[in-house]
Amino acid sequence: MTIYESDLPGVGKKYEVELEGGERLVIVTHNTGKREVYLKPDADADSDKLFELPDRMARKVGTILEGAYFQPVQTNRVETMLADETFIEWYGVPADSDLAGQAIADAKVRERTGVSIIAIQRGSEVITPPTPETVLEAEDTVVVVGEREDCIEFEQLLGNGGQE
């Protein structure tokens, strides 16, 4: 999926998202916060306006689309992009992971992968920030921040690709 970004002087920004089949979703974000969403059959076609949203509603819809309220597929991995290649990702610790039972410092997660563990959810308890002495347990949900490649290395270090 390719996303094209362009400035619209005096208006805001335009994003074009290439969809499967050559269609493009066009999102215009106005300086006022209003969002307009269009669909183009192909890159050279005219756009058809689908809808527009005020800023507050657009942000709410965005969080729903991101999966902040509901994950439709059972997964042990969720990701949020902070910048071009920096992500916050959530991983489940499989019962058979080599990291289960190890303290963060002993596992040398940052040295081995480049990611930083910024939180751990253990049942209804959230450990933030975890200390180097915090022990990772099977079934924990670990929240890490790092670049894409570092996150992939962490996923491999967990074993089973972070999936159960």
Protein backbone atom coordinates (compact mmCIF):
# COMPACT_ATOMS: atom_id res chain seq x y z
CA MET A 1 0.00 0.00 0.00
CA THR A 2 1.40 3.36 -1.02
CA ILE A 3 0.28 6.65 0.51
CA TYR A 4 0.89 9.92 -1.32
CA GLU A 5 0.92 13.14 0.70
CA SER A 6 0.70 16.65 -0.72
CA ASP A 7 0.25 20.14 0.69
CA LEU A 8 -2.80 22.11 -0.29
CA PRO A 9 -1.75 25.74 0.35
CA GLY A 10 -4.40 27.62 2.29
CA VAL A 11 -6.46 24.42 2.68
CA GLY A 12 -4.41 21.74 4.48
CA LYS A 13 -3.08 18.36 3.32
CA LYS A 14 -4.21 15.68 0.90
CA TYR A 15 -3.48 11.98 1.26
CA GLU A 16 -4.08 9.42 -1.49
CA VAL A 17 -4.06 5.78 -0.43
CA GLU A 18 -3.61 3.17 -3.16
CA LEU A 19 -6.15 0.39 -2.69
CA GLU A 20 -6.24 -3.07 -4.20
CA GLY A 21 -7.48 -3.00 -7.78
CA GLY A 22 -5.98 0.43 -8.49
CA GLU A 23 -8.61 2.50 -6.68
CA ARG A 24 -7.50 5.39 -4.49
CA LEU A 25 -8.97 6.67 -1.27
CA VAL A 26 -8.42 10.43 -1.04
CA ILE A 27 -8.50 12.18 2.34
CA VAL A 28 -8.34 15.96 2.51
CA THR A 29 -7.56 17.34 5.97
CA HIS A 30 -8.44 21.02 6.16
CA ASN A 31 -6.59 23.48 8.39
CA THR A 32 -9.88 23.80 10.29
CA GLY A 33 -9.79 20.07 11.10
CA LYS A 34 -12.60 19.09 8.73
CA ARG A 35 -11.93 15.88 6.76
CA GLU A 36 -13.31 15.08 3.33
CA VAL A 37 -13.09 11.54 1.98
CA TYR A 38 -13.24 10.73 -1.73
CA LEU A 39 -12.88 7.63 -3.88
CA LYS A 40 -11.13 7.56 -7.27
CA PRO A 41 -11.54 4.55 -9.58
CA ASP A 42 -7.89 5.02 -10.64
CA ALA A 43 -5.03 7.49 -10.29
CA ASP A 44 -6.11 9.63 -13.26
CA ALA A 45 -9.87 9.65 -12.62
CA ASP A 46 -11.96 12.33 -10.95
CA SER A 47 -12.89 11.79 -7.33
CA ASP A 48 -16.37 11.07 -6.00
CA LYS A 49 -16.99 12.50 -2.54
CA LEU A 50 -18.01 9.83 -0.06
CA PHE A 51 -18.48 11.94 3.08
CA GLU A 52 -17.02 14.67 5.29
CA LEU A 53 -16.49 14.82 9.02
CA PRO A 54 -15.76 17.59 11.51
CA ASP A 55 -12.42 17.30 13.35
CA ARG A 56 -13.69 15.72 16.56
CA MET A 57 -15.77 13.09 14.80
CA ALA A 58 -12.92 12.31 12.37
CA ARG A 59 -10.60 11.64 15.31
CA LYS A 60 -13.17 9.36 16.95
CA VAL A 61 -13.71 7.42 13.70
CA GLY A 62 -9.92 7.19 13.29
CA THR A 63 -9.48 5.56 16.70
CA ILE A 64 -12.26 3.10 15.88
CA LEU A 65 -10.60 2.21 12.56
CA GLU A 66 -7.24 1.85 14.30
CA GLY A 67 -8.75 -0.76 16.60
CA ALA A 68 -8.40 1.19 19.83
CA TYR A 69 -11.88 0.08 20.96
CA PHE A 70 -12.07 -3.38 19.46
CA GLN A 71 -9.72 -5.86 17.84
CA PRO A 72 -11.87 -7.85 15.40
CA VAL A 73 -9.39 -10.74 15.15
CA GLN A 74 -7.93 -12.54 18.14
CA THR A 75 -4.28 -11.52 18.05
CA ASN A 76 -1.39 -11.04 20.39
CA ARG A 77 0.06 -8.20 18.36
CA VAL A 78 -1.22 -4.65 17.85
CA GLU A 79 0.81 -1.80 16.38
CA THR A 80 0.64 1.98 16.29
CA MET A 81 3.00 4.03 14.15
CA LEU A 82 4.56 7.05 15.90
CA ALA A 83 6.71 8.24 13.01
CA ASP A 84 7.90 6.91 9.65
CA GLU A 85 9.63 3.84 11.08
CA THR A 86 8.95 4.07 14.82
CA PHE A 87 6.17 1.93 16.23
CA ILE A 88 4.52 1.10 19.52
CA GLU A 89 3.58 -2.58 19.41
CA TRP A 90 1.80 -4.95 21.79
CA TYR A 91 2.90 -8.59 21.95
CA GLY A 92 1.64 -11.57 23.90
CA VAL A 93 4.32 -13.62 25.66
CA PRO A 94 3.75 -17.27 24.66
CA ALA A 95 3.96 -19.88 27.42
CA ASP A 96 6.91 -21.51 25.67
CA SER A 97 8.85 -18.27 25.10
CA ASP A 98 12.46 -18.24 26.25
CA LEU A 99 11.77 -14.78 27.72
CA ALA A 100 9.06 -16.06 30.10
CA GLY A 101 10.48 -16.12 33.62
CA GLN A 102 13.37 -13.76 32.84
CA ALA A 103 13.90 -10.27 34.21
CA ILE A 104 14.04 -7.57 31.51
CA ALA A 105 17.67 -6.80 32.37
CA ASP A 106 18.68 -10.48 32.25
CA ALA A 107 16.91 -10.99 28.91
CA LYS A 108 18.89 -8.03 27.47
CA VAL A 109 15.92 -7.13 25.27
CA ARG A 110 17.16 -3.65 24.32
CA GLU A 111 20.70 -4.85 23.62
CA ARG A 112 19.51 -7.82 21.54
CA THR A 113 16.70 -6.16 19.59
CA GLY A 114 16.82 -2.37 19.99
CA VAL A 115 13.27 -2.09 21.39
CA SER A 116 12.38 -0.65 24.78
CA ILE A 117 9.70 -2.27 26.92
CA ILE A 118 7.48 0.60 28.07
CA ALA A 119 4.65 -1.30 29.77
CA ILE A 120 3.44 -4.78 30.69
CA GLN A 121 -0.16 -5.81 31.18
CA ARG A 122 -0.53 -8.78 33.47
CA GLY A 123 -4.17 -9.69 33.86
CA SER A 124 -5.88 -6.50 35.05
CA GLU A 125 -2.60 -4.99 36.34
CA VAL A 126 -0.56 -2.61 34.19
CA ILE A 127 3.13 -2.24 35.05
CA THR A 128 4.40 1.06 33.73
CA PRO A 129 7.19 1.68 33.49
CA PRO A 130 8.61 -1.75 34.20
CA THR A 131 11.97 -1.80 35.95
CA PRO A 132 14.96 -3.81 34.71
CA GLU A 133 14.16 -6.28 37.53
CA THR A 134 10.58 -6.83 36.29
CA VAL A 135 10.16 -10.48 35.33
CA LEU A 136 8.33 -11.28 32.08
CA GLU A 137 5.67 -13.92 32.59
CA ALA A 138 3.84 -16.20 30.17
CA GLU A 139 0.57 -14.60 29.00
CA ASP A 140 1.85 -11.06 29.72
CA THR A 141 1.09 -8.42 27.10
CA VAL A 142 4.30 -6.50 26.52
CA VAL A 143 4.23 -2.99 25.01
CA VAL A 144 7.42 -2.02 23.18
CA VAL A 145 8.62 0.99 21.20
CA GLY A 146 11.17 0.78 18.42
CA GLU A 147 11.87 0.86 14.73
CA ARG A 148 10.12 -1.65 12.44
CA GLU A 149 13.17 -3.94 12.09
CA ASP A 150 13.79 -3.87 15.86
CA CYS A 151 10.16 -4.85 16.50
CA ILE A 152 10.51 -7.75 14.08
CA GLU A 153 13.64 -8.91 15.94
CA PHE A 154 11.75 -8.70 19.25
CA GLU A 155 8.89 -10.72 17.78
CA GLN A 156 11.38 -13.41 16.74
CA LEU A 157 13.04 -13.32 20.16
CA LEU A 158 9.66 -13.96 21.81
CA GLY A 159 9.24 -17.11 19.74
CA ASN A 160 6.21 -18.15 17.70
CA GLY A 161 6.23 -14.69 16.13
CA GLY A 162 4.54 -13.29 19.22
CA GLN A 163 1.49 -15.37 18.34
CA GLU A 164 0.07 -18.24 20.36
